[in-house]
């Protein structure tokens, strides 16, 4: 089997043994990889944050911060969470192998290191990671921002660039944890026996902006894939303001009437009382020349469609 090699494939080797570093560096360099090295856990985290390598070859047992902790921290950071980690270990007991995978490793090789074996395993995982990265980019290109959430502890396992932008826009910051409103919704769906087929959908509303999210496939690790999509009806609000000479607040009230909301619902959304909404709606009726909310909604939809054409 052959794999595409590119000059941008970066391997970070983390090992406190100079002989291992030298041998692996030379073998990987000759194979066309760009090689970075770190001799301790803190250095590994710094290098990974700076360069975002395509794969990490990580010694499990090091003084100070061991490889398991390094892996856990890499997986906790959204910027480095998707990087595959291959452990190097002389510990072949089952508990240590399990610990390697539990910390986020995708594979392991045993010491003494055999360079040809390492190269073969790295090629497979780099290729898989590249395909996954391309798939995530393709989703972003079609406006489908995706992320994976661990419902139990609320951690963001990975997210596409577009999903990160949306989360920052809606919730602020760049945290490895799922924003509470989204996490609460995911946990509610899980508690209700969600099957993750895309039929479970929710939304967060901010004025004319809406963030829609749907729940997709899950894994045995209680990880759920979420697809985000933004919608902004600011253009529709402006069209209604111009067409009917409405104020901004009157246009907002009419917008939510078109969406089928009651006066109380509209009040909750806009932070006003139902009585205030009713007064705005009365002025809307007068400007539109109608007497009912159904007629107002129908006229608004018709006029916006005409303007769209």
Protein backbone atom coordinates (compact mmCIF):
# COMPACT_ATOMS: atom_id res chain seq x y z
CA UNK A 1 0.00 0.00 0.00
CA UNK A 2 1.29 3.48 -0.83
CA UNK A 3 0.41 6.79 0.75
CA UNK A 4 0.64 10.36 -0.49
CA UNK A 5 3.54 12.19 1.06
CA UNK A 6 3.66 15.95 1.27
CA UNK A 7 6.36 18.32 2.45
CA UNK A 8 3.96 19.68 5.03
CA UNK A 9 3.62 16.47 7.05
CA UNK A 10 5.04 17.32 10.46
CA UNK A 11 5.95 14.75 13.09
CA UNK A 12 6.60 15.75 16.69
CA UNK A 13 8.80 13.21 18.51
CA UNK A 14 8.71 13.38 22.29
CA UNK A 15 11.32 11.33 24.14
CA UNK A 16 13.75 12.00 26.97
CA UNK A 17 16.33 9.58 25.52
CA UNK A 18 18.77 11.30 23.09
CA UNK A 19 19.62 8.04 21.29
CA UNK A 20 15.96 7.36 20.48
CA UNK A 21 15.44 10.94 19.32
CA UNK A 22 18.47 10.81 17.04
CA UNK A 23 17.55 7.48 15.46
CA UNK A 24 13.90 8.43 14.86
CA UNK A 25 14.77 11.91 13.65
CA UNK A 26 17.11 10.57 10.99
CA UNK A 27 14.70 7.86 9.82
CA UNK A 28 11.75 10.23 9.56
CA UNK A 29 13.79 13.01 7.97
CA UNK A 30 15.04 10.62 5.28
CA UNK A 31 11.42 9.62 4.60
CA UNK A 32 10.43 13.19 3.86
CA UNK A 33 8.78 14.26 7.11
CA UNK A 34 9.39 17.58 8.77
CA UNK A 35 10.59 16.54 12.22
CA UNK A 36 10.23 18.42 15.49
CA UNK A 37 11.57 17.12 18.79
CA UNK A 38 10.87 17.65 22.48
CA UNK A 39 12.61 16.02 25.44
CA UNK A 40 9.94 16.60 28.10
CA UNK A 41 6.21 17.03 28.49
CA UNK A 42 6.05 20.80 28.81
CA UNK A 43 8.22 21.20 25.73
CA UNK A 44 5.95 18.83 23.82
CA UNK A 45 2.87 20.90 24.64
CA UNK A 46 4.62 24.11 23.60
CA UNK A 47 5.83 22.65 20.30
CA UNK A 48 2.40 21.17 19.54
CA UNK A 49 0.66 24.49 20.20
CA UNK A 50 3.14 26.39 18.01
CA UNK A 51 3.40 24.03 15.04
CA UNK A 52 0.21 21.87 15.23
CA UNK A 53 1.95 18.73 13.88
CA UNK A 54 0.19 16.13 11.76
CA UNK A 55 1.10 13.36 14.21
CA UNK A 56 2.83 12.95 17.58
CA UNK A 57 5.19 10.09 18.42
CA UNK A 58 5.10 10.13 22.20
CA UNK A 59 7.18 8.35 24.83
CA UNK A 60 4.86 7.01 27.52
CA UNK A 61 7.32 7.10 30.44
CA UNK A 62 9.24 10.32 31.04
CA UNK A 63 10.35 12.13 34.20
CA UNK A 64 8.01 14.87 35.32
CA UNK A 65 4.97 14.98 33.08
CA UNK A 66 4.58 11.53 31.53
CA UNK A 67 3.29 10.80 28.05
CA UNK A 68 -0.19 9.89 29.24
CA UNK A 69 -0.66 13.35 30.75
CA UNK A 70 0.79 15.02 27.65
CA UNK A 71 -1.75 13.14 25.53
CA UNK A 72 -4.64 14.09 27.79
CA UNK A 73 -3.69 17.77 27.58
CA UNK A 74 -3.32 17.66 23.81
CA UNK A 75 -6.77 16.09 23.51
CA UNK A 76 -8.23 18.70 25.87
CA UNK A 77 -7.14 21.56 23.60
CA UNK A 78 -9.44 22.08 20.57
CA UNK A 79 -6.44 23.24 18.53
CA UNK A 80 -4.56 19.94 18.98
CA UNK A 81 -7.37 17.50 19.80
CA UNK A 82 -7.53 15.98 16.31
CA UNK A 83 -3.79 15.20 16.11
CA UNK A 84 -3.22 11.41 16.16
CA UNK A 85 -0.88 10.22 18.93
CA UNK A 86 1.25 7.08 18.65
CA UNK A 87 2.77 6.01 21.95
CA UNK A 88 6.24 4.54 22.33
CA UNK A 89 6.50 2.29 25.33
CA UNK A 90 8.43 -0.58 26.81
CA UNK A 91 5.40 -1.28 28.98
CA UNK A 92 3.42 -4.00 27.25
CA UNK A 93 1.24 -4.94 30.21
CA UNK A 94 -2.44 -4.68 29.40
CA UNK A 95 -3.03 -1.88 31.89
CA UNK A 96 -0.44 0.33 30.22
CA UNK A 97 -1.77 -0.37 26.74
CA UNK A 98 -5.26 0.48 27.95
CA UNK A 99 -3.90 3.66 29.57
CA UNK A 100 -2.35 4.70 26.26
CA UNK A 101 -5.65 4.40 24.40
CA UNK A 102 -7.61 5.95 27.27
CA UNK A 103 -5.33 9.00 27.12
CA UNK A 104 -6.19 9.46 23.45
CA UNK A 105 -3.61 7.38 21.61
CA UNK A 106 -4.51 5.79 18.27
CA UNK A 107 -1.67 3.24 18.33
CA UNK A 108 1.51 2.21 20.11
CA UNK A 109 4.91 0.76 19.29
CA UNK A 110 7.12 -1.09 21.72
CA UNK A 111 10.73 -0.43 22.59
CA UNK A 112 13.33 -1.11 21.38
CA UNK A 113 12.08 0.98 18.48
CA UNK A 114 12.15 -0.48 14.96
CA UNK A 115 12.20 2.46 12.53
CA UNK A 116 10.55 0.60 9.64
CA UNK A 117 7.61 -0.38 11.84
CA UNK A 118 7.28 3.19 13.10
CA UNK A 119 7.30 4.55 9.55
CA UNK A 120 4.61 2.13 8.43
CA UNK A 121 2.32 2.99 11.36
CA UNK A 122 2.86 6.72 10.99
CA UNK A 123 2.02 6.58 7.28
CA UNK A 124 -1.32 4.93 8.01
CA UNK A 125 -2.32 7.36 10.74
CA UNK A 126 -1.14 10.48 8.91
CA UNK A 127 -3.12 9.40 5.86
CA UNK A 128 -6.24 8.75 7.94
CA UNK A 129 -5.86 12.08 9.71
CA UNK A 130 -5.49 13.88 6.37
CA UNK A 131 -8.66 12.28 5.02
CA UNK A 132 -10.56 13.21 8.18
CA UNK A 133 -9.25 16.77 7.93
CA UNK A 134 -10.34 16.99 4.30
CA UNK A 135 -13.77 15.66 5.21
CA UNK A 136 -14.16 18.29 7.93
CA UNK A 137 -13.05 21.03 5.53
CA UNK A 138 -15.59 19.79 2.98
CA UNK A 139 -18.36 20.07 5.57
CA UNK A 140 -17.27 23.63 6.35
CA UNK A 141 -17.26 24.48 2.64
CA UNK A 142 -20.94 23.55 2.44
CA UNK A 143 -21.76 25.56 5.55
CA UNK A 144 -22.11 22.49 7.77
CA UNK A 145 -20.02 23.37 10.81
CA UNK A 146 -19.36 20.18 12.76
CA UNK A 147 -18.11 19.29 16.20
CA UNK A 148 -18.00 16.26 18.45
CA UNK A 149 -19.20 16.60 22.05
CA UNK A 150 -18.67 14.18 24.92
CA UNK A 151 -22.01 14.34 26.71
CA UNK A 152 -20.71 12.98 30.01
CA UNK A 153 -18.03 15.52 30.88
CA UNK A 154 -18.95 18.17 28.32
CA UNK A 155 -15.61 18.20 26.53
CA UNK A 156 -15.29 19.30 22.91
CA UNK A 157 -13.52 16.34 21.32
CA UNK A 158 -12.91 18.14 18.02
CA UNK A 159 -14.42 20.89 15.93
CA UNK A 160 -14.01 22.24 12.42
CA UNK A 161 -12.71 25.74 11.81
CA UNK A 162 -16.19 26.98 10.93
CA UNK A 163 -17.67 25.43 14.08
CA UNK A 164 -15.00 27.17 16.19
CA UNK A 165 -15.89 30.49 14.57
CA UNK A 166 -19.59 29.97 15.25
CA UNK A 167 -19.03 29.00 18.88
CA UNK A 168 -16.82 32.04 19.41
CA UNK A 169 -19.40 34.30 17.78
CA UNK A 170 -22.31 32.96 19.80
CA UNK A 171 -20.71 32.09 23.15
CA UNK A 172 -17.37 33.91 23.22
CA UNK A 173 -13.91 32.55 24.03
CA UNK A 174 -12.20 29.43 22.71
CA UNK A 175 -12.79 26.81 25.37
CA UNK A 176 -12.24 23.02 25.28
CA UNK A 177 -15.66 22.70 26.94
CA UNK A 178 -19.03 22.67 25.23
CA UNK A 179 -21.04 25.90 25.84
CA UNK A 180 -23.68 25.19 28.53
CA UNK A 181 -26.79 25.87 26.37
CA UNK A 182 -25.58 23.44 23.70
CA UNK A 183 -24.40 20.85 26.23
CA UNK A 184 -27.70 20.99 28.14
CA UNK A 185 -29.56 20.35 24.89
CA UNK A 186 -27.31 17.41 23.98
CA UNK A 187 -27.74 15.84 27.41
CA UNK A 188 -31.50 16.30 27.19
CA UNK A 189 -31.55 14.50 23.83
CA UNK A 190 -29.39 11.68 25.20
CA UNK A 191 -31.65 11.31 28.25
CA UNK A 192 -34.64 11.04 25.92
CA UNK A 193 -33.00 8.20 24.01
CA UNK A 194 -31.73 10.13 20.99
CA UNK A 195 -30.64 7.92 18.10
CA UNK A 196 -28.40 10.51 16.44
CA UNK A 197 -29.95 10.33 12.98
CA UNK A 198 -30.25 14.07 12.43
CA UNK A 199 -33.92 14.20 13.41
CA UNK A 200 -33.16 15.82 16.78
CA UNK A 201 -32.87 19.57 16.23
CA UNK A 202 -32.66 22.65 18.39
CA UNK A 203 -31.94 26.36 18.04
CA UNK A 204 -30.75 29.40 19.94
CA UNK A 205 -32.25 32.74 18.97
CA UNK A 206 -30.67 36.20 19.20
CA UNK A 207 -32.89 38.75 17.53
CA UNK A 208 -33.01 37.85 13.82
CA UNK A 209 -30.04 35.50 14.19
CA UNK A 210 -30.55 31.80 14.84
CA UNK A 211 -28.06 29.04 15.55
CA UNK A 212 -29.55 25.69 14.52
CA UNK A 213 -28.02 22.41 15.67
CA UNK A 214 -28.80 18.79 14.86
CA UNK A 215 -27.65 15.64 16.61
CA UNK A 216 -26.00 13.01 14.47
CA UNK A 217 -24.10 9.77 15.01
CA UNK A 218 -22.68 8.71 18.38
CA UNK A 219 -19.87 6.42 19.51
CA UNK A 220 -19.46 3.94 22.33
CA UNK A 221 -17.56 6.65 24.23
CA UNK A 222 -20.67 8.82 24.56
CA UNK A 223 -19.40 11.19 21.90
CA UNK A 224 -21.94 12.88 19.65
CA UNK A 225 -21.48 14.62 16.33
CA UNK A 226 -23.31 17.94 16.11
CA UNK A 227 -23.91 19.95 12.95
CA UNK A 228 -24.33 23.71 13.37
CA UNK A 229 -25.97 26.10 10.92
CA UNK A 230 -26.50 29.84 11.18
CA UNK A 231 -29.46 31.76 9.82
CA UNK A 232 -29.90 35.53 9.81
CA UNK A 233 -33.15 37.15 8.74
CA UNK A 234 -31.90 40.72 9.10
CA UNK A 235 -32.62 41.23 5.40
CA UNK A 236 -36.21 40.13 5.93
CA UNK A 237 -36.62 42.58 8.82
CA UNK A 238 -35.24 45.42 6.74
CA UNK A 239 -37.54 44.48 3.86
CA UNK A 240 -40.59 44.61 6.13
CA UNK A 241 -39.50 47.95 7.58
CA UNK A 242 -39.19 49.47 4.11
CA UNK A 243 -42.31 47.86 2.63
CA UNK A 244 -44.69 48.80 5.46
CA UNK A 245 -42.88 51.79 7.01
CA UNK A 246 -42.46 49.95 10.30
CA UNK A 247 -40.12 50.77 13.15
CA UNK A 248 -37.37 48.27 13.96
CA UNK A 249 -39.34 46.91 16.94
CA UNK A 250 -42.58 46.67 14.95
CA UNK A 251 -40.72 44.72 12.25
CA UNK A 252 -39.36 42.36 14.90
CA UNK A 253 -42.86 41.78 16.28
CA UNK A 254 -44.23 41.10 12.81
CA UNK A 255 -41.29 38.79 12.06
CA UNK A 256 -42.15 36.57 15.03
CA UNK A 257 -45.85 36.66 14.21
CA UNK A 258 -44.93 35.30 10.78
CA UNK A 259 -43.06 32.55 12.64
CA UNK A 260 -46.28 31.64 14.46
CA UNK A 261 -45.32 32.97 17.89
CA UNK A 262 -47.89 34.17 20.42
CA UNK A 263 -47.68 37.60 22.04
CA UNK A 264 -46.23 36.00 25.15
CA UNK A 265 -43.64 34.14 23.09
CA UNK A 266 -42.65 37.31 21.27
CA UNK A 267 -42.39 39.15 24.58
CA UNK A 268 -40.07 36.49 25.98
CA UNK A 269 -37.88 36.67 22.89
CA UNK A 270 -37.71 40.47 22.78
CA UNK A 271 -37.60 41.05 26.53
CA UNK A 272 -40.95 42.83 26.64
CA UNK A 273 -44.34 42.18 28.18
CA UNK A 274 -47.18 40.59 26.22
CA UNK A 275 -49.12 43.85 26.64
CA UNK A 276 -46.32 45.84 25.01
CA UNK A 277 -46.18 43.36 22.15
CA UNK A 278 -49.93 43.74 21.69
CA UNK A 279 -49.58 47.53 21.37
CA UNK A 280 -46.82 47.16 18.76
CA UNK A 281 -48.97 44.64 16.92
CA UNK A 282 -51.95 47.00 16.86
CA UNK A 283 -49.80 49.65 15.15
CA UNK A 284 -48.58 46.97 12.70
CA UNK A 285 -52.21 46.08 11.84
CA UNK A 286 -52.95 49.73 11.18
CA UNK A 287 -49.95 50.21 8.89
CA UNK A 288 -50.68 46.99 6.98
CA UNK A 289 -54.41 47.70 6.77
CA UNK A 290 -55.41 44.36 8.33
CA UNK A 291 -57.28 43.29 11.43
CA UNK A 292 -55.83 39.89 12.40
CA UNK A 293 -52.40 38.37 12.99
CA UNK A 294 -53.10 35.75 10.31
CA UNK A 295 -53.77 38.42 7.71
CA UNK A 296 -50.69 40.38 8.82
CA UNK A 297 -48.48 37.31 8.51
CA UNK A 298 -49.87 36.43 5.08
CA UNK A 299 -49.38 39.96 3.75
CA UNK A 300 -45.84 40.14 5.14
CA UNK A 301 -44.86 36.85 3.53
CA UNK A 302 -46.37 37.89 0.19
CA UNK A 303 -44.60 41.27 0.16
CA UNK A 304 -41.21 39.85 1.15
CA UNK A 305 -41.46 37.26 -1.62
CA UNK A 306 -42.28 39.99 -4.12
CA UNK A 307 -39.27 42.00 -3.00
CA UNK A 308 -37.13 38.86 -3.23
CA UNK A 309 -38.13 38.34 -6.83
